[in-house]
Each structure stands twice: as structure tokens, then as C-alpha cells.
Amino acid sequence: MSAKVPTAKFRLGKIVTTPNALSQLSQDEILVGIQRHQAGDWGDVSEQDRNANDRAVIDCARIWSVYLRTRTRLWCKPRSKVLEGEKRR
């Protein structure tokens, strides 16, 4: 049985990945983060940011998500076209 791919809520622009994200995360982790983001699963953000993201999907405004993986964060920021992994301190 294959995993279900979530339904996209919005279109993505160009996706870029920083060298740090590539060194800290697997391609599968990056892909799952992108899929979750595009499906409206905002990950580990505050309730205020979650609500702002829900409104932003309608208004075409800034949307961002954070997914924590062990000691690494995956940030999805499609409005600025940046996807980066950043080590927590």
C-alpha cells in the first residue's frame, strides 16, 4: 500500500534548498515537508501563525511553516521562494 499524498491548497513557485538543508535532511524529509506545507499542515508554528497562514492562502499573502526533525528545523517559505534547514542551538 502506498502513502497517500495530501491535496495541495496552493501552487508553489520555484523551490530552492540551502546547502545546510541538504546536509542535514534526507530528500524524503524535504519532500514530505513541502507536501505538508502545500497541503496546509503548517507544522510547528504558533496558533497565530497558523491562523495567518490559513488567511494567507485566500489572500495570496506570506505563508510559512516549520517542521522540527530531531535537531534540525525545516522552514518552508514559498512566498520568498526559500526552503532552508537550520540547526537548532
N, C-alpha and C. Protein backbone atom coordinates (compact mmCIF):
# COMPACT_ATOMS: atom_id res chain seq x y z
N MET A 1 0.83 -1.17 0.00
CA MET A 1 0.00 0.00 0.00
C MET A 1 0.88 1.25 0.00
N SER A 2 0.59 2.19 -0.86
CA SER A 2 1.41 3.40 -0.94
C SER A 2 0.82 4.48 -0.03
N ALA A 3 1.68 5.40 0.37
CA ALA A 3 1.25 6.51 1.23
C ALA A 3 0.39 7.47 0.44
N LYS A 4 -0.61 8.02 1.09
CA LYS A 4 -1.49 8.99 0.46
C LYS A 4 -0.79 10.35 0.38
N VAL A 5 -0.80 10.94 -0.79
CA VAL A 5 -0.22 12.28 -0.98
C VAL A 5 -1.31 13.30 -0.66
N PRO A 6 -1.02 14.25 0.24
CA PRO A 6 -2.04 15.24 0.62
C PRO A 6 -2.43 16.13 -0.56
N THR A 7 -3.66 16.65 -0.51
CA THR A 7 -4.16 17.55 -1.55
C THR A 7 -3.55 18.93 -1.38
N ALA A 8 -3.06 19.49 -2.47
CA ALA A 8 -2.44 20.81 -2.44
C ALA A 8 -3.50 21.90 -2.30
N LYS A 9 -3.23 22.90 -1.45
CA LYS A 9 -4.13 24.04 -1.26
C LYS A 9 -3.71 25.24 -2.09
N PHE A 10 -2.47 25.23 -2.58
CA PHE A 10 -1.98 26.35 -3.38
C PHE A 10 -0.82 25.85 -4.24
N ARG A 11 -0.51 26.63 -5.25
CA ARG A 11 0.60 26.29 -6.15
C ARG A 11 1.90 26.83 -5.58
N LEU A 12 2.95 26.08 -5.81
CA LEU A 12 4.28 26.50 -5.37
C LEU A 12 5.00 27.17 -6.53
N GLY A 13 5.86 28.08 -6.19
CA GLY A 13 6.75 28.68 -7.17
C GLY A 13 8.02 27.85 -7.25
N LYS A 14 9.10 28.50 -7.59
CA LYS A 14 10.40 27.84 -7.64
C LYS A 14 10.81 27.40 -6.24
N ILE A 15 11.30 26.17 -6.12
CA ILE A 15 11.75 25.65 -4.83
C ILE A 15 13.27 25.58 -4.85
N VAL A 16 13.87 26.15 -3.83
CA VAL A 16 15.32 26.07 -3.66
C VAL A 16 15.61 25.49 -2.28
N THR A 17 16.74 24.87 -2.15
CA THR A 17 17.16 24.27 -0.89
C THR A 17 18.56 24.73 -0.56
N THR A 18 18.78 25.12 0.67
CA THR A 18 20.11 25.58 1.07
C THR A 18 21.05 24.39 1.24
N PRO A 19 22.35 24.62 1.14
CA PRO A 19 23.31 23.54 1.37
C PRO A 19 23.16 22.92 2.76
N ASN A 20 22.84 23.74 3.77
CA ASN A 20 22.65 23.21 5.12
C ASN A 20 21.48 22.23 5.17
N ALA A 21 20.37 22.57 4.51
CA ALA A 21 19.22 21.66 4.48
C ALA A 21 19.61 20.34 3.82
N LEU A 22 20.34 20.42 2.73
CA LEU A 22 20.76 19.20 2.03
C LEU A 22 21.69 18.34 2.87
N SER A 23 22.49 18.97 3.72
CA SER A 23 23.42 18.19 4.54
C SER A 23 22.76 17.63 5.79
N GLN A 24 21.67 18.25 6.25
CA GLN A 24 21.03 17.84 7.50
C GLN A 24 19.78 16.97 7.31
N LEU A 25 19.15 17.05 6.16
CA LEU A 25 17.88 16.37 5.92
C LEU A 25 17.98 15.46 4.71
N SER A 26 17.22 14.38 4.74
CA SER A 26 17.16 13.50 3.57
C SER A 26 16.23 14.14 2.53
N GLN A 27 16.33 13.69 1.29
CA GLN A 27 15.43 14.20 0.26
C GLN A 27 13.98 13.88 0.60
N ASP A 28 13.76 12.70 1.20
CA ASP A 28 12.40 12.34 1.60
C ASP A 28 11.86 13.29 2.66
N GLU A 29 12.68 13.69 3.64
CA GLU A 29 12.23 14.63 4.68
C GLU A 29 11.88 15.97 4.05
N ILE A 30 12.68 16.42 3.11
CA ILE A 30 12.41 17.69 2.44
C ILE A 30 11.11 17.59 1.64
N LEU A 31 10.94 16.50 0.90
CA LEU A 31 9.73 16.31 0.09
C LEU A 31 8.48 16.26 0.97
N VAL A 32 8.54 15.52 2.08
CA VAL A 32 7.40 15.44 2.98
C VAL A 32 7.08 16.82 3.56
N GLY A 33 8.10 17.59 3.93
CA GLY A 33 7.87 18.95 4.42
C GLY A 33 7.18 19.82 3.39
N ILE A 34 7.61 19.73 2.16
CA ILE A 34 6.99 20.51 1.07
C ILE A 34 5.54 20.08 0.88
N GLN A 35 5.30 18.77 0.88
CA GLN A 35 3.94 18.26 0.70
C GLN A 35 3.03 18.70 1.86
N ARG A 36 3.54 18.61 3.08
CA ARG A 36 2.75 19.04 4.24
C ARG A 36 2.43 20.53 4.14
N HIS A 37 3.42 21.31 3.79
CA HIS A 37 3.25 22.76 3.67
C HIS A 37 2.18 23.07 2.63
N GLN A 38 2.31 22.47 1.47
CA GLN A 38 1.37 22.76 0.37
C GLN A 38 -0.04 22.28 0.69
N ALA A 39 -0.17 21.29 1.58
CA ALA A 39 -1.48 20.77 1.97
C ALA A 39 -2.11 21.57 3.11
N GLY A 40 -1.38 22.57 3.63
CA GLY A 40 -1.94 23.39 4.70
C GLY A 40 -1.65 22.86 6.09
N ASP A 41 -0.73 21.92 6.22
CA ASP A 41 -0.26 21.46 7.53
C ASP A 41 0.95 22.32 7.85
N TRP A 42 0.76 23.31 8.70
CA TRP A 42 1.79 24.32 8.94
C TRP A 42 2.87 23.87 9.91
N GLY A 43 2.76 22.67 10.47
CA GLY A 43 3.81 22.14 11.32
C GLY A 43 3.85 22.79 12.68
N ASP A 44 5.06 23.12 13.12
CA ASP A 44 5.32 23.60 14.48
C ASP A 44 5.36 25.12 14.54
N VAL A 45 4.23 25.76 14.22
CA VAL A 45 4.12 27.22 14.32
C VAL A 45 3.07 27.55 15.37
N SER A 46 3.06 28.79 15.80
CA SER A 46 2.08 29.22 16.80
C SER A 46 0.67 29.22 16.21
N GLU A 47 -0.32 29.26 17.08
CA GLU A 47 -1.70 29.32 16.62
C GLU A 47 -1.94 30.59 15.81
N GLN A 48 -1.31 31.69 16.21
CA GLN A 48 -1.44 32.95 15.48
C GLN A 48 -0.89 32.81 14.06
N ASP A 49 0.29 32.19 13.92
CA ASP A 49 0.86 31.98 12.58
C ASP A 49 0.02 30.99 11.77
N ARG A 50 -0.52 29.98 12.43
CA ARG A 50 -1.38 29.01 11.74
C ARG A 50 -2.61 29.72 11.16
N ASN A 51 -3.24 30.57 11.98
CA ASN A 51 -4.41 31.33 11.50
C ASN A 51 -4.03 32.30 10.39
N ALA A 52 -2.88 32.95 10.53
CA ALA A 52 -2.41 33.87 9.48
C ALA A 52 -2.16 33.12 8.18
N ASN A 53 -1.58 31.92 8.27
CA ASN A 53 -1.35 31.12 7.07
C ASN A 53 -2.66 30.74 6.40
N ASP A 54 -3.66 30.35 7.21
CA ASP A 54 -4.97 29.99 6.63
C ASP A 54 -5.57 31.17 5.87
N ARG A 55 -5.46 32.37 6.43
CA ARG A 55 -5.95 33.57 5.73
C ARG A 55 -5.10 33.86 4.50
N ALA A 56 -3.80 33.65 4.62
CA ALA A 56 -2.87 33.98 3.52
C ALA A 56 -3.11 33.11 2.29
N VAL A 57 -3.58 31.89 2.49
CA VAL A 57 -3.89 31.03 1.34
C VAL A 57 -4.96 31.70 0.48
N ILE A 58 -5.92 32.33 1.12
CA ILE A 58 -7.01 33.01 0.41
C ILE A 58 -6.53 34.33 -0.17
N ASP A 59 -5.74 35.07 0.61
CA ASP A 59 -5.30 36.41 0.22
C ASP A 59 -4.01 36.43 -0.60
N CYS A 60 -3.40 35.29 -0.84
CA CYS A 60 -2.11 35.20 -1.54
C CYS A 60 -1.04 36.00 -0.82
N ALA A 61 -1.01 35.92 0.49
CA ALA A 61 -0.03 36.63 1.31
C ALA A 61 1.06 35.66 1.77
N ARG A 62 1.90 36.13 2.70
CA ARG A 62 3.01 35.34 3.20
C ARG A 62 2.51 34.09 3.91
N ILE A 63 3.12 32.96 3.59
CA ILE A 63 2.82 31.68 4.23
C ILE A 63 4.16 31.08 4.63
N TRP A 64 4.23 30.53 5.86
CA TRP A 64 5.45 29.82 6.23
C TRP A 64 5.14 28.72 7.22
N SER A 65 5.94 27.69 7.17
CA SER A 65 5.79 26.52 8.02
C SER A 65 7.13 26.15 8.62
N VAL A 66 7.09 25.45 9.74
CA VAL A 66 8.31 24.95 10.38
C VAL A 66 8.05 23.50 10.78
N TYR A 67 8.96 22.62 10.42
CA TYR A 67 8.86 21.21 10.79
C TYR A 67 10.13 20.82 11.52
N LEU A 68 9.97 20.40 12.76
CA LEU A 68 11.12 20.01 13.57
C LEU A 68 11.44 18.54 13.33
N ARG A 69 12.70 18.26 13.08
CA ARG A 69 13.19 16.90 12.88
C ARG A 69 14.42 16.76 13.74
N THR A 70 14.33 15.99 14.78
CA THR A 70 15.43 15.81 15.73
C THR A 70 16.02 17.18 16.09
N ARG A 71 17.24 17.47 15.66
CA ARG A 71 17.88 18.75 15.97
C ARG A 71 17.84 19.71 14.80
N THR A 72 17.03 19.44 13.79
CA THR A 72 17.02 20.24 12.58
C THR A 72 15.61 20.79 12.33
N ARG A 73 15.53 22.03 11.89
CA ARG A 73 14.26 22.64 11.51
C ARG A 73 14.20 22.74 9.99
N LEU A 74 13.07 22.43 9.45
CA LEU A 74 12.81 22.62 8.02
C LEU A 74 11.84 23.80 7.92
N TRP A 75 12.29 24.89 7.30
CA TRP A 75 11.47 26.08 7.12
C TRP A 75 10.97 26.10 5.68
N CYS A 76 9.68 26.26 5.50
CA CYS A 76 9.11 26.41 4.16
C CYS A 76 8.57 27.82 4.03
N LYS A 77 9.11 28.56 3.08
CA LYS A 77 8.71 29.94 2.86
C LYS A 77 8.49 30.16 1.37
N PRO A 78 7.39 29.67 0.82
CA PRO A 78 7.22 29.76 -0.63
C PRO A 78 7.05 31.17 -1.17
N ARG A 79 6.52 32.11 -0.37
CA ARG A 79 6.37 33.46 -0.90
C ARG A 79 7.72 34.10 -1.17
N SER A 80 8.72 33.75 -0.38
CA SER A 80 10.06 34.27 -0.65
C SER A 80 10.89 33.24 -1.41
N LYS A 81 10.23 32.14 -1.76
CA LYS A 81 10.86 31.08 -2.53
C LYS A 81 12.12 30.52 -1.87
N VAL A 82 12.08 30.35 -0.56
CA VAL A 82 13.22 29.80 0.16
C VAL A 82 12.77 28.61 0.99
N LEU A 83 13.55 27.54 0.92
CA LEU A 83 13.33 26.39 1.78
C LEU A 83 14.67 26.12 2.44
N GLU A 84 14.73 26.20 3.77
CA GLU A 84 16.01 26.03 4.39
C GLU A 84 15.92 25.15 5.62
N GLY A 85 16.96 24.40 5.87
CA GLY A 85 17.09 23.63 7.10
C GLY A 85 18.08 24.37 7.98
N GLU A 86 17.73 24.55 9.22
CA GLU A 86 18.59 25.32 10.12
C GLU A 86 18.76 24.53 11.41
N LYS A 87 20.00 24.33 11.82
CA LYS A 87 20.28 23.61 13.04
C LYS A 87 19.87 24.42 14.25
N ARG A 88 19.15 23.78 15.19
CA ARG A 88 18.77 24.45 16.43
C ARG A 88 19.98 24.60 17.32
N ARG A 89 20.03 25.65 18.07
CA ARG A 89 21.12 25.88 19.01
C ARG A 89 20.68 25.55 20.40
